[in-house]
Protein backbone atom coordinates (compact mmCIF):
# COMPACT_ATOMS: atom_id res chain seq x y z
CA UNK A 1 -4.18 131.39 -17.14
CA UNK A 2 -7.27 129.80 -18.36
CA UNK A 3 -7.08 127.71 -21.53
CA UNK A 4 -10.02 127.82 -23.86
CA UNK A 5 -12.04 124.69 -24.31
CA UNK A 6 -11.21 124.32 -27.93
CA UNK A 7 -7.54 124.60 -27.29
CA UNK A 8 -7.67 121.99 -24.51
CA UNK A 9 -9.56 119.65 -26.79
CA UNK A 10 -6.88 119.92 -29.44
CA UNK A 11 -4.12 119.34 -26.94
CA UNK A 12 -5.90 116.32 -25.50
CA UNK A 13 -6.39 114.83 -28.91
CA UNK A 14 -2.75 115.37 -29.79
CA UNK A 15 -1.64 113.74 -26.56
CA UNK A 16 -3.84 110.74 -27.17
CA UNK A 17 -2.48 110.32 -30.67
CA UNK A 18 1.05 110.55 -29.35
CA UNK A 19 0.39 107.96 -26.74
CA UNK A 20 -1.34 105.78 -29.27
CA UNK A 21 1.68 105.96 -31.50
CA UNK A 22 3.95 104.87 -28.66
CA UNK A 23 1.75 102.03 -27.16
CA UNK A 24 1.51 99.73 -30.19
CA UNK A 25 5.20 98.96 -29.92
CA UNK A 26 4.87 98.27 -26.20
CA UNK A 27 1.79 96.25 -26.71
CA UNK A 28 3.46 94.33 -29.51
CA UNK A 29 6.46 93.74 -27.35
CA UNK A 30 4.20 92.73 -24.50
CA UNK A 31 2.19 90.54 -26.82
CA UNK A 32 5.34 89.03 -28.20
CA UNK A 33 6.62 88.41 -24.69
CA UNK A 34 3.32 86.94 -23.68
CA UNK A 35 3.26 84.84 -26.82
CA UNK A 36 6.81 83.70 -26.14
CA UNK A 37 5.94 82.86 -22.58
CA UNK A 38 2.82 81.08 -23.76
CA UNK A 39 4.85 79.18 -26.31
CA UNK A 40 7.42 78.39 -23.69
CA UNK A 41 4.65 77.27 -21.38
CA UNK A 42 3.11 75.15 -24.07
CA UNK A 43 6.52 73.74 -24.90
CA UNK A 44 7.16 72.98 -21.26
CA UNK A 45 3.70 71.56 -20.91
CA UNK A 46 4.23 69.57 -24.08
CA UNK A 47 7.54 68.35 -22.77
CA UNK A 48 6.02 67.53 -19.43
CA UNK A 49 3.07 65.83 -21.15
CA UNK A 50 5.38 64.04 -23.50
CA UNK A 51 7.60 63.05 -20.63
CA UNK A 52 4.64 61.96 -18.62
CA UNK A 53 3.26 60.08 -21.61
CA UNK A 54 6.61 58.53 -22.30
CA UNK A 55 7.01 57.72 -18.62
CA UNK A 56 3.55 56.23 -18.48
CA UNK A 57 4.14 54.40 -21.71
CA UNK A 58 7.51 53.27 -20.45
CA UNK A 59 6.06 52.20 -17.13
CA UNK A 60 3.19 50.51 -18.92
CA UNK A 61 5.62 48.79 -21.23
CA UNK A 62 7.80 47.77 -18.32
CA UNK A 63 4.76 46.61 -16.41
CA UNK A 64 3.58 44.64 -19.38
CA UNK A 65 7.07 43.27 -19.82
CA UNK A 66 7.26 42.36 -16.17
CA UNK A 67 3.84 40.79 -16.40
CA UNK A 68 5.02 38.84 -19.40
CA UNK A 69 8.12 37.81 -17.52
CA UNK A 70 6.02 36.89 -14.50
CA UNK A 71 3.84 34.74 -16.71
CA UNK A 72 6.81 33.04 -18.28
CA UNK A 73 7.45 30.70 -15.27
CA UNK A 74 3.81 29.59 -15.47
CA UNK A 75 4.18 28.66 -19.07
CA UNK A 76 7.52 27.16 -18.26
CA UNK A 77 5.97 25.25 -15.44
CA UNK A 78 3.21 24.11 -17.76
CA UNK A 79 5.83 23.02 -20.23
CA UNK A 80 7.80 21.38 -17.47
CA UNK A 81 4.64 19.78 -16.15
CA UNK A 82 3.95 18.46 -19.60
CA UNK A 83 7.48 17.15 -19.75
CA UNK A 84 7.07 15.62 -16.31
CA UNK A 85 3.80 14.02 -17.39
CA UNK A 86 5.53 12.60 -20.42
CA UNK A 87 8.36 11.42 -18.25
CA UNK A 88 6.06 9.89 -15.65
CA UNK A 89 3.99 7.98 -18.17
CA UNK A 90 6.73 5.43 -18.77
CA UNK A 91 7.15 5.21 -15.00
CA UNK A 92 3.46 4.49 -14.60
CA UNK A 93 3.67 1.88 -17.28
CA UNK A 94 6.74 0.48 -15.62
CA UNK A 95 4.97 0.51 -12.26
CA UNK A 96 2.03 -1.31 -13.77
CA UNK A 97 4.34 -3.87 -15.25
CA UNK A 98 6.05 -4.25 -11.89
CA UNK A 99 2.69 -4.78 -10.21
CA UNK A 100 1.83 -7.39 -12.78
CA UNK A 101 5.15 -9.12 -12.21
CA UNK A 102 4.62 -8.95 -8.45
CA UNK A 103 1.17 -10.45 -8.87
CA UNK A 104 2.52 -13.27 -10.97
CA UNK A 105 5.28 -14.08 -8.48
CA UNK A 106 3.23 -13.27 -5.36
CA UNK A 107 0.39 -15.13 -3.73
CA UNK A 108 -3.35 -14.63 -3.97
CA UNK A 109 -5.54 -13.91 -0.96
CA UNK A 110 -6.58 -17.57 -0.82
CA UNK A 111 -2.97 -18.77 -0.95
CA UNK A 112 -1.96 -16.26 1.72
CA UNK A 113 -4.80 -17.40 3.98
CA UNK A 114 -3.70 -21.01 3.54
CA UNK A 115 -0.12 -20.09 4.46
CA UNK A 116 -1.27 -18.28 7.61
CA UNK A 117 -3.48 -21.15 8.76
CA UNK A 118 -0.80 -23.73 7.99
CA UNK A 119 1.73 -21.73 10.02
CA UNK A 120 -0.59 -21.52 13.04
CA UNK A 121 -1.41 -25.22 12.65
CA UNK A 122 2.26 -26.19 12.75
CA UNK A 123 2.88 -23.97 15.77
CA UNK A 124 -0.04 -25.61 17.54
CA UNK A 125 1.15 -29.15 16.77
CA UNK A 126 4.65 -28.38 18.07
CA UNK A 127 3.44 -26.75 21.30
CA UNK A 128 0.86 -29.47 21.96
CA UNK A 129 3.53 -32.11 21.35
CA UNK A 130 5.65 -30.49 24.07
CA UNK A 131 2.69 -30.59 26.46
CA UNK A 132 2.15 -34.27 25.59
CA UNK A 133 5.71 -35.11 26.58
CA UNK A 134 5.02 -33.58 29.97
CA UNK A 135 1.40 -34.51 30.67
CA UNK A 136 0.80 -37.84 28.89
CA UNK A 137 0.83 -41.11 30.81
CA UNK A 138 0.71 -43.46 27.84
CA UNK A 139 4.04 -44.05 26.12
CA UNK A 140 2.44 -44.17 22.67
CA UNK A 141 0.95 -40.74 23.27
CA UNK A 142 4.37 -39.39 24.20
CA UNK A 143 5.87 -40.93 21.08
CA UNK A 144 3.16 -39.33 18.98
CA UNK A 145 3.83 -35.96 20.61
CA UNK A 146 7.53 -36.20 19.77
CA UNK A 147 6.67 -37.10 16.17
CA UNK A 148 4.52 -33.95 15.97
CA UNK A 149 7.39 -31.81 17.23
CA UNK A 150 9.85 -33.21 14.70
CA UNK A 151 7.65 -33.26 11.60
CA UNK A 152 5.86 -29.95 12.12
CA UNK A 153 9.06 -28.10 12.98
CA UNK A 154 10.45 -29.25 9.65
CA UNK A 155 7.22 -28.34 7.81
CA UNK A 156 7.19 -24.93 9.47
CA UNK A 157 10.74 -24.21 8.27
CA UNK A 158 9.81 -25.21 4.73
CA UNK A 159 6.75 -22.95 4.80
CA UNK A 160 8.85 -20.01 6.03
CA UNK A 161 11.18 -20.42 3.06
CA UNK A 162 8.27 -20.36 0.60
CA UNK A 163 6.57 -17.44 2.35
CA UNK A 164 9.75 -15.36 2.24
CA UNK A 165 9.82 -15.65 -1.54
CA UNK A 166 6.23 -14.40 -1.70
CA UNK A 167 6.73 -11.58 0.84
CA UNK A 168 4.15 -13.24 3.09
CA UNK A 169 4.50 -12.44 6.79
CA UNK A 170 3.64 -15.57 8.78
CA UNK A 171 2.31 -15.49 12.35
CA UNK A 172 4.92 -16.28 14.98
CA UNK A 173 2.54 -17.05 17.84
CA UNK A 174 -0.74 -18.82 18.38
CA UNK A 175 -4.06 -17.07 17.86
CA UNK A 176 -6.63 -16.69 20.64
CA UNK A 177 -8.49 -19.89 19.77
CA UNK A 178 -5.32 -22.00 19.77
CA UNK A 179 -4.16 -20.46 23.04
CA UNK A 180 -7.51 -21.34 24.60
CA UNK A 181 -7.09 -24.96 23.52
CA UNK A 182 -3.54 -25.03 24.87
CA UNK A 183 -4.68 -23.77 28.26
CA UNK A 184 -7.43 -26.37 28.38
CA UNK A 185 -5.09 -29.26 27.51
CA UNK A 186 -2.35 -28.03 29.85
CA UNK A 187 -4.78 -28.25 32.76
CA UNK A 188 -5.17 -32.01 32.18
CA UNK A 189 -2.81 -34.89 32.89
CA UNK A 190 -2.62 -38.69 32.85
CA UNK A 191 -5.28 -40.77 31.11
CA UNK A 192 -7.65 -37.82 30.78
CA UNK A 193 -5.02 -35.91 28.86
CA UNK A 194 -4.18 -38.92 26.68
CA UNK A 195 -7.78 -39.32 25.54
CA UNK A 196 -8.48 -35.61 25.02
CA UNK A 197 -5.18 -34.98 23.24
CA UNK A 198 -5.50 -37.88 20.81
CA UNK A 199 -9.13 -37.04 20.05
CA UNK A 200 -8.06 -33.50 19.20
CA UNK A 201 -5.20 -34.78 17.04
CA UNK A 202 -7.55 -36.98 15.00
CA UNK A 203 -10.01 -34.14 14.35
CA UNK A 204 -7.24 -31.60 13.73
CA UNK A 205 -5.44 -33.72 11.15
CA UNK A 206 -8.66 -34.48 9.29
CA UNK A 207 -9.20 -30.77 8.93
CA UNK A 208 -5.57 -30.16 7.93
CA UNK A 209 -5.67 -32.84 5.24
CA UNK A 210 -8.79 -31.28 3.73
CA UNK A 211 -7.18 -27.83 3.59
CA UNK A 212 -3.90 -29.11 2.14
CA UNK A 213 -5.77 -31.13 -0.51
CA UNK A 214 -7.61 -27.97 -1.61
CA UNK A 215 -4.39 -25.99 -1.90
CA UNK A 216 -2.59 -28.79 -3.72
CA UNK A 217 -5.44 -29.04 -6.25
CA UNK A 218 -6.77 -25.49 -6.56
CA UNK A 219 -4.02 -23.19 -5.31
CA UNK A 220 -2.82 -20.49 -7.72
CA UNK A 221 0.75 -20.27 -6.44
CA UNK A 222 3.10 -22.97 -7.70
CA UNK A 223 5.40 -22.96 -4.68
CA UNK A 224 2.61 -23.13 -2.11
CA UNK A 225 0.91 -25.85 -4.12
CA UNK A 226 4.19 -27.75 -4.09
CA UNK A 227 4.51 -27.31 -0.32
CA UNK A 228 0.95 -28.57 0.18
CA UNK A 229 1.52 -31.60 -2.06
CA UNK A 230 4.80 -32.42 -0.32
CA UNK A 231 3.34 -32.13 3.19
CA UNK A 232 0.06 -33.92 2.48
CA UNK A 233 1.43 -37.52 2.76
CA UNK A 234 3.01 -36.63 6.12
CA UNK A 235 -0.33 -35.36 7.44
CA UNK A 236 -2.07 -38.50 6.22
CA UNK A 237 0.49 -40.59 8.08
CA UNK A 238 -0.11 -38.47 11.19
CA UNK A 239 -3.84 -39.12 10.96
CA UNK A 240 -3.26 -42.87 10.75
CA UNK A 241 -0.99 -42.78 13.81
CA UNK A 242 -3.43 -40.54 15.69
CA UNK A 243 -6.33 -42.90 15.04
CA UNK A 244 -4.30 -45.92 16.17
CA UNK A 245 -3.03 -44.17 19.30
CA UNK A 246 -6.48 -42.85 20.15
CA UNK A 247 -7.89 -46.37 19.85
CA UNK A 248 -5.13 -47.70 22.09
CA UNK A 249 -5.75 -45.19 24.90
CA UNK A 250 -9.49 -45.82 24.68
CA UNK A 251 -9.08 -49.61 24.71
CA UNK A 252 -10.41 -49.98 21.19
CA UNK A 253 -9.03 -51.60 18.09
CA UNK A 254 -8.55 -49.67 14.89
CA UNK A 255 -10.08 -50.87 11.64
CA UNK A 256 -6.68 -52.08 10.47
CA UNK A 257 -6.20 -54.04 13.69
CA UNK A 258 -9.68 -55.51 13.37
CA UNK A 259 -8.92 -56.50 9.81
CA UNK A 260 -5.71 -58.15 10.93
CA UNK A 261 -7.57 -60.03 13.67
CA UNK A 262 -10.21 -61.16 11.20
CA UNK A 263 -7.56 -62.37 8.82
CA UNK A 264 -5.86 -64.27 11.63
CA UNK A 265 -9.16 -65.80 12.69
CA UNK A 266 -9.98 -66.76 9.12
CA UNK A 267 -6.58 -68.29 8.67
CA UNK A 268 -6.91 -70.20 11.91
CA UNK A 269 -10.37 -71.43 10.93
CA UNK A 270 -9.13 -72.53 7.57
CA UNK A 271 -6.24 -74.36 9.14
CA UNK A 272 -8.60 -76.04 11.60
CA UNK A 273 -11.01 -77.15 8.88
CA UNK A 274 -8.14 -78.41 6.81
CA UNK A 275 -6.67 -80.36 9.70
CA UNK A 276 -9.95 -82.01 10.61
CA UNK A 277 -9.93 -84.52 7.78
CA UNK A 278 -6.36 -85.30 8.63
CA UNK A 279 -7.37 -86.28 12.15
CA UNK A 280 -10.12 -88.43 10.77
């Protein structure tokens, strides 16, 4: 059966109204559900954001805290370093004082040089004295050599005692120059050795006396000055003996012998002139 157009229009309108009456509730329910889901999503997102923010903040705080903790040893070290500096200052002062004390009880470069040269000189005199006992032909030369061994061994021991107090390390063997002289003298013997040895002893003791006089007068160390002053008269006696022995081996008279001869001649002349009137 065919429905008229007007009737179909009315029925369509009624159906639309009916559907419209039913859909608002569904739409509202759907909207409410969507809103709830959106709210839930926002809440979840908020929670996630909050959690993430809190986590980030927490991590940041922890990181900052760790950084602060990591920096603490530096500051502690700085503090400790400051404390160490404060503690080391007295040590430095103490060290300076110790150095000053060491300087006052030690020896200067000049004093140390004197001690070294005196030690080598004594070693040389002892060794040359031993060679003289073997190579010399003149008995006076041998006696002089033995005197050198005895006196310079004693002087060397005294110098070692003084040097030990000053922490001075003395040479224990001859230097190259002294060894060269020893080799030269050892190659000689008899009268040639006697003359060469005594000439060297005269020159050597003149030099030694000059050096010991300087130390005794101008030395800065009391003990070394005392050693020089104590040894000086012995060296002067050695020089006198060396000059007399050298004159003897060379067939010459020393100035003291010449003076004695002159005195004897003068005395003899005086006696002769005094006796002349008696004879008359």
